Amino acid sequence: MKLKNKKEETGEPVAIKAWAAGRMIYVELTDGRVVGFPADRFKILSRATDEQLKKVTLRLNGFALRWENLDEDITVPGIIAGNFQLPFKIAS
């Protein structure tokens, strides 16, 4: 009997890689997409330095992003759905 992982059970893509480039956070998903969002869309991340943002790791088999140094977790399904805490600001 083969055990299913969470991705197979839900059919949702999960993260296989996450990284920060400047103030942007990127996530590569199991379905081949790369999704990016501004760190400034989340309260804690908006106050983080670029160096702190680079310390992102994957948790829960790719269902969450974690910044241990900031004590911050963000779910991948939430990112995909566009569930952000703060409004988008156009740079001037």
C-alpha atoms as a PDB file:
ATOM      1  CA  MET A   1       0.000   0.000   0.000  1.00  0.00           C
ATOM      2  CA  LYS A   2       1.381   3.402  -1.022  1.00  0.00           C
ATOM      3  CA  LEU A   3       1.057   6.249   1.459  1.00  0.00           C
ATOM      4  CA  LYS A   4      -0.079   9.543  -0.019  1.00  0.00           C
ATOM      5  CA  ASN A   5       1.574  12.798   0.898  1.00  0.00           C
ATOM      6  CA  LYS A   6      -0.410  15.964   1.611  1.00  0.00           C
ATOM      7  CA  LYS A   7      -0.012  17.246  -1.957  1.00  0.00           C
ATOM      8  CA  GLU A   8      -1.562  14.091  -3.387  1.00  0.00           C
ATOM      9  CA  GLU A   9      -4.393  14.193  -0.858  1.00  0.00           C
ATOM     10  CA  THR A  10      -5.394  17.797  -1.506  1.00  0.00           C
ATOM     11  CA  GLY A  11      -4.293  18.238  -5.103  1.00  0.00           C
ATOM     12  CA  GLU A  12      -2.806  21.608  -4.145  1.00  0.00           C
ATOM     13  CA  PRO A  13       0.681  22.528  -5.307  1.00  0.00           C
ATOM     14  CA  VAL A  14       3.234  22.950  -2.554  1.00  0.00           C
ATOM     15  CA  ALA A  15       6.536  24.778  -2.438  1.00  0.00           C
ATOM     16  CA  ILE A  16       9.741  23.015  -3.392  1.00  0.00           C
ATOM     17  CA  LYS A  17      11.929  26.129  -3.104  1.00  0.00           C
ATOM     18  CA  ALA A  18      11.676  29.599  -1.554  1.00  0.00           C
ATOM     19  CA  TRP A  19      14.025  32.559  -1.726  1.00  0.00           C
ATOM     20  CA  ALA A  20      14.176  36.315  -1.311  1.00  0.00           C
ATOM     21  CA  ALA A  21      15.631  38.777  -3.796  1.00  0.00           C
ATOM     22  CA  GLY A  22      15.646  42.256  -2.354  1.00  0.00           C
ATOM     23  CA  ARG A  23      12.159  42.958  -1.012  1.00  0.00           C
ATOM     24  CA  MET A  24      10.504  40.198  -3.087  1.00  0.00           C
ATOM     25  CA  ILE A  25       9.798  36.670  -1.884  1.00  0.00           C
ATOM     26  CA  TYR A  26       9.597  33.891  -4.484  1.00  0.00           C
ATOM     27  CA  VAL A  27       8.199  30.385  -4.221  1.00  0.00           C
ATOM     28  CA  GLU A  28       8.671  27.602  -6.768  1.00  0.00           C
ATOM     29  CA  LEU A  29       5.720  25.203  -6.734  1.00  0.00           C
ATOM     30  CA  THR A  30       5.452  21.497  -7.532  1.00  0.00           C
ATOM     31  CA  ASP A  31       3.340  22.332 -10.601  1.00  0.00           C
ATOM     32  CA  GLY A  32       6.181  24.381 -12.137  1.00  0.00           C
ATOM     33  CA  ARG A  33       4.909  27.865 -11.329  1.00  0.00           C
ATOM     34  CA  VAL A  34       7.030  30.490  -9.606  1.00  0.00           C
ATOM     35  CA  VAL A  35       4.982  32.891  -7.508  1.00  0.00           C
ATOM     36  CA  GLY A  36       6.398  36.128  -6.150  1.00  0.00           C
ATOM     37  CA  PHE A  37       5.084  38.726  -3.750  1.00  0.00           C
ATOM     38  CA  PRO A  38       6.426  41.876  -2.077  1.00  0.00           C
ATOM     39  CA  ALA A  39       7.538  41.302   1.511  1.00  0.00           C
ATOM     40  CA  ASP A  40       5.798  44.571   2.370  1.00  0.00           C
ATOM     41  CA  ARG A  41       2.402  42.830   1.993  1.00  0.00           C
ATOM     42  CA  PHE A  42       2.917  41.246   5.456  1.00  0.00           C
ATOM     43  CA  LYS A  43       3.313  43.217   8.690  1.00  0.00           C
ATOM     44  CA  ILE A  44       6.324  41.422  10.133  1.00  0.00           C
ATOM     45  CA  LEU A  45       8.110  41.007   6.810  1.00  0.00           C
ATOM     46  CA  SER A  46       7.614  44.699   6.002  1.00  0.00           C
ATOM     47  CA  ARG A  47       9.803  45.578   9.008  1.00  0.00           C
ATOM     48  CA  ALA A  48      12.500  42.992   8.192  1.00  0.00           C
ATOM     49  CA  THR A  49      15.841  43.755   6.611  1.00  0.00           C
ATOM     50  CA  ASP A  50      16.781  42.246   3.256  1.00  0.00           C
ATOM     51  CA  GLU A  51      19.225  39.966   5.093  1.00  0.00           C
ATOM     52  CA  GLN A  52      16.489  38.734   7.437  1.00  0.00           C
ATOM     53  CA  LEU A  53      14.193  38.023   4.481  1.00  0.00           C
ATOM     54  CA  LYS A  54      16.843  35.797   2.879  1.00  0.00           C
ATOM     55  CA  LYS A  55      16.576  33.363   5.804  1.00  0.00           C
ATOM     56  CA  VAL A  56      13.286  31.873   4.583  1.00  0.00           C
ATOM     57  CA  THR A  57      12.841  28.105   4.894  1.00  0.00           C
ATOM     58  CA  LEU A  58      10.137  25.635   3.893  1.00  0.00           C
ATOM     59  CA  ARG A  59       8.057  23.928   6.569  1.00  0.00           C
ATOM     60  CA  LEU A  60       5.214  21.414   6.717  1.00  0.00           C
ATOM     61  CA  ASN A  61       6.316  19.568   3.567  1.00  0.00           C
ATOM     62  CA  GLY A  62       6.202  22.768   1.503  1.00  0.00           C
ATOM     63  CA  PHE A  63       2.853  24.053   2.777  1.00  0.00           C
ATOM     64  CA  ALA A  64       4.409  26.962   4.698  1.00  0.00           C
ATOM     65  CA  LEU A  65       7.250  29.462   4.606  1.00  0.00           C
ATOM     66  CA  ARG A  66       9.102  30.124   7.858  1.00  0.00           C
ATOM     67  CA  TRP A  67      11.378  32.917   9.031  1.00  0.00           C
ATOM     68  CA  GLU A  68      12.753  31.587  12.307  1.00  0.00           C
ATOM     69  CA  ASN A  69      14.648  34.827  12.999  1.00  0.00           C
ATOM     70  CA  LEU A  70      11.379  36.803  12.716  1.00  0.00           C
ATOM     71  CA  ASP A  71       9.050  34.156  14.224  1.00  0.00           C
ATOM     72  CA  GLU A  72       6.873  34.418  11.102  1.00  0.00           C
ATOM     73  CA  ASP A  73       5.013  31.696   9.166  1.00  0.00           C
ATOM     74  CA  ILE A  74       3.007  32.135   5.953  1.00  0.00           C
ATOM     75  CA  THR A  75       1.036  29.377   4.248  1.00  0.00           C
ATOM     76  CA  VAL A  76       1.653  28.589   0.601  1.00  0.00           C
ATOM     77  CA  PRO A  77      -2.087  28.143  -0.162  1.00  0.00           C
ATOM     78  CA  GLY A  78      -2.636  31.617   1.331  1.00  0.00           C
ATOM     79  CA  ILE A  79       0.039  33.106  -0.910  1.00  0.00           C
ATOM     80  CA  ILE A  80      -1.434  31.430  -3.989  1.00  0.00           C
ATOM     81  CA  ALA A  81      -4.902  32.720  -3.041  1.00  0.00           C
ATOM     82  CA  GLY A  82      -3.545  36.262  -2.585  1.00  0.00           C
ATOM     83  CA  ASN A  83      -4.335  36.465   1.134  1.00  0.00           C
ATOM     84  CA  PHE A  84      -2.086  39.327   2.176  1.00  0.00           C
ATOM     85  CA  GLN A  85      -2.237  41.402   5.366  1.00  0.00           C
ATOM     86  CA  LEU A  86      -1.410  44.778   3.833  1.00  0.00           C
ATOM     87  CA  PRO A  87      -2.487  46.524   0.617  1.00  0.00           C
ATOM     88  CA  PHE A  88      -0.194  46.763  -2.389  1.00  0.00           C
ATOM     89  CA  LYS A  89       1.701  50.057  -2.584  1.00  0.00           C
ATOM     90  CA  ILE A  90       2.938  51.350  -5.917  1.00  0.00           C
ATOM     91  CA  ALA A  91       6.531  52.572  -5.610  1.00  0.00           C
ATOM     92  CA  SER A  92       6.909  56.250  -6.407  1.00  0.00           C
END
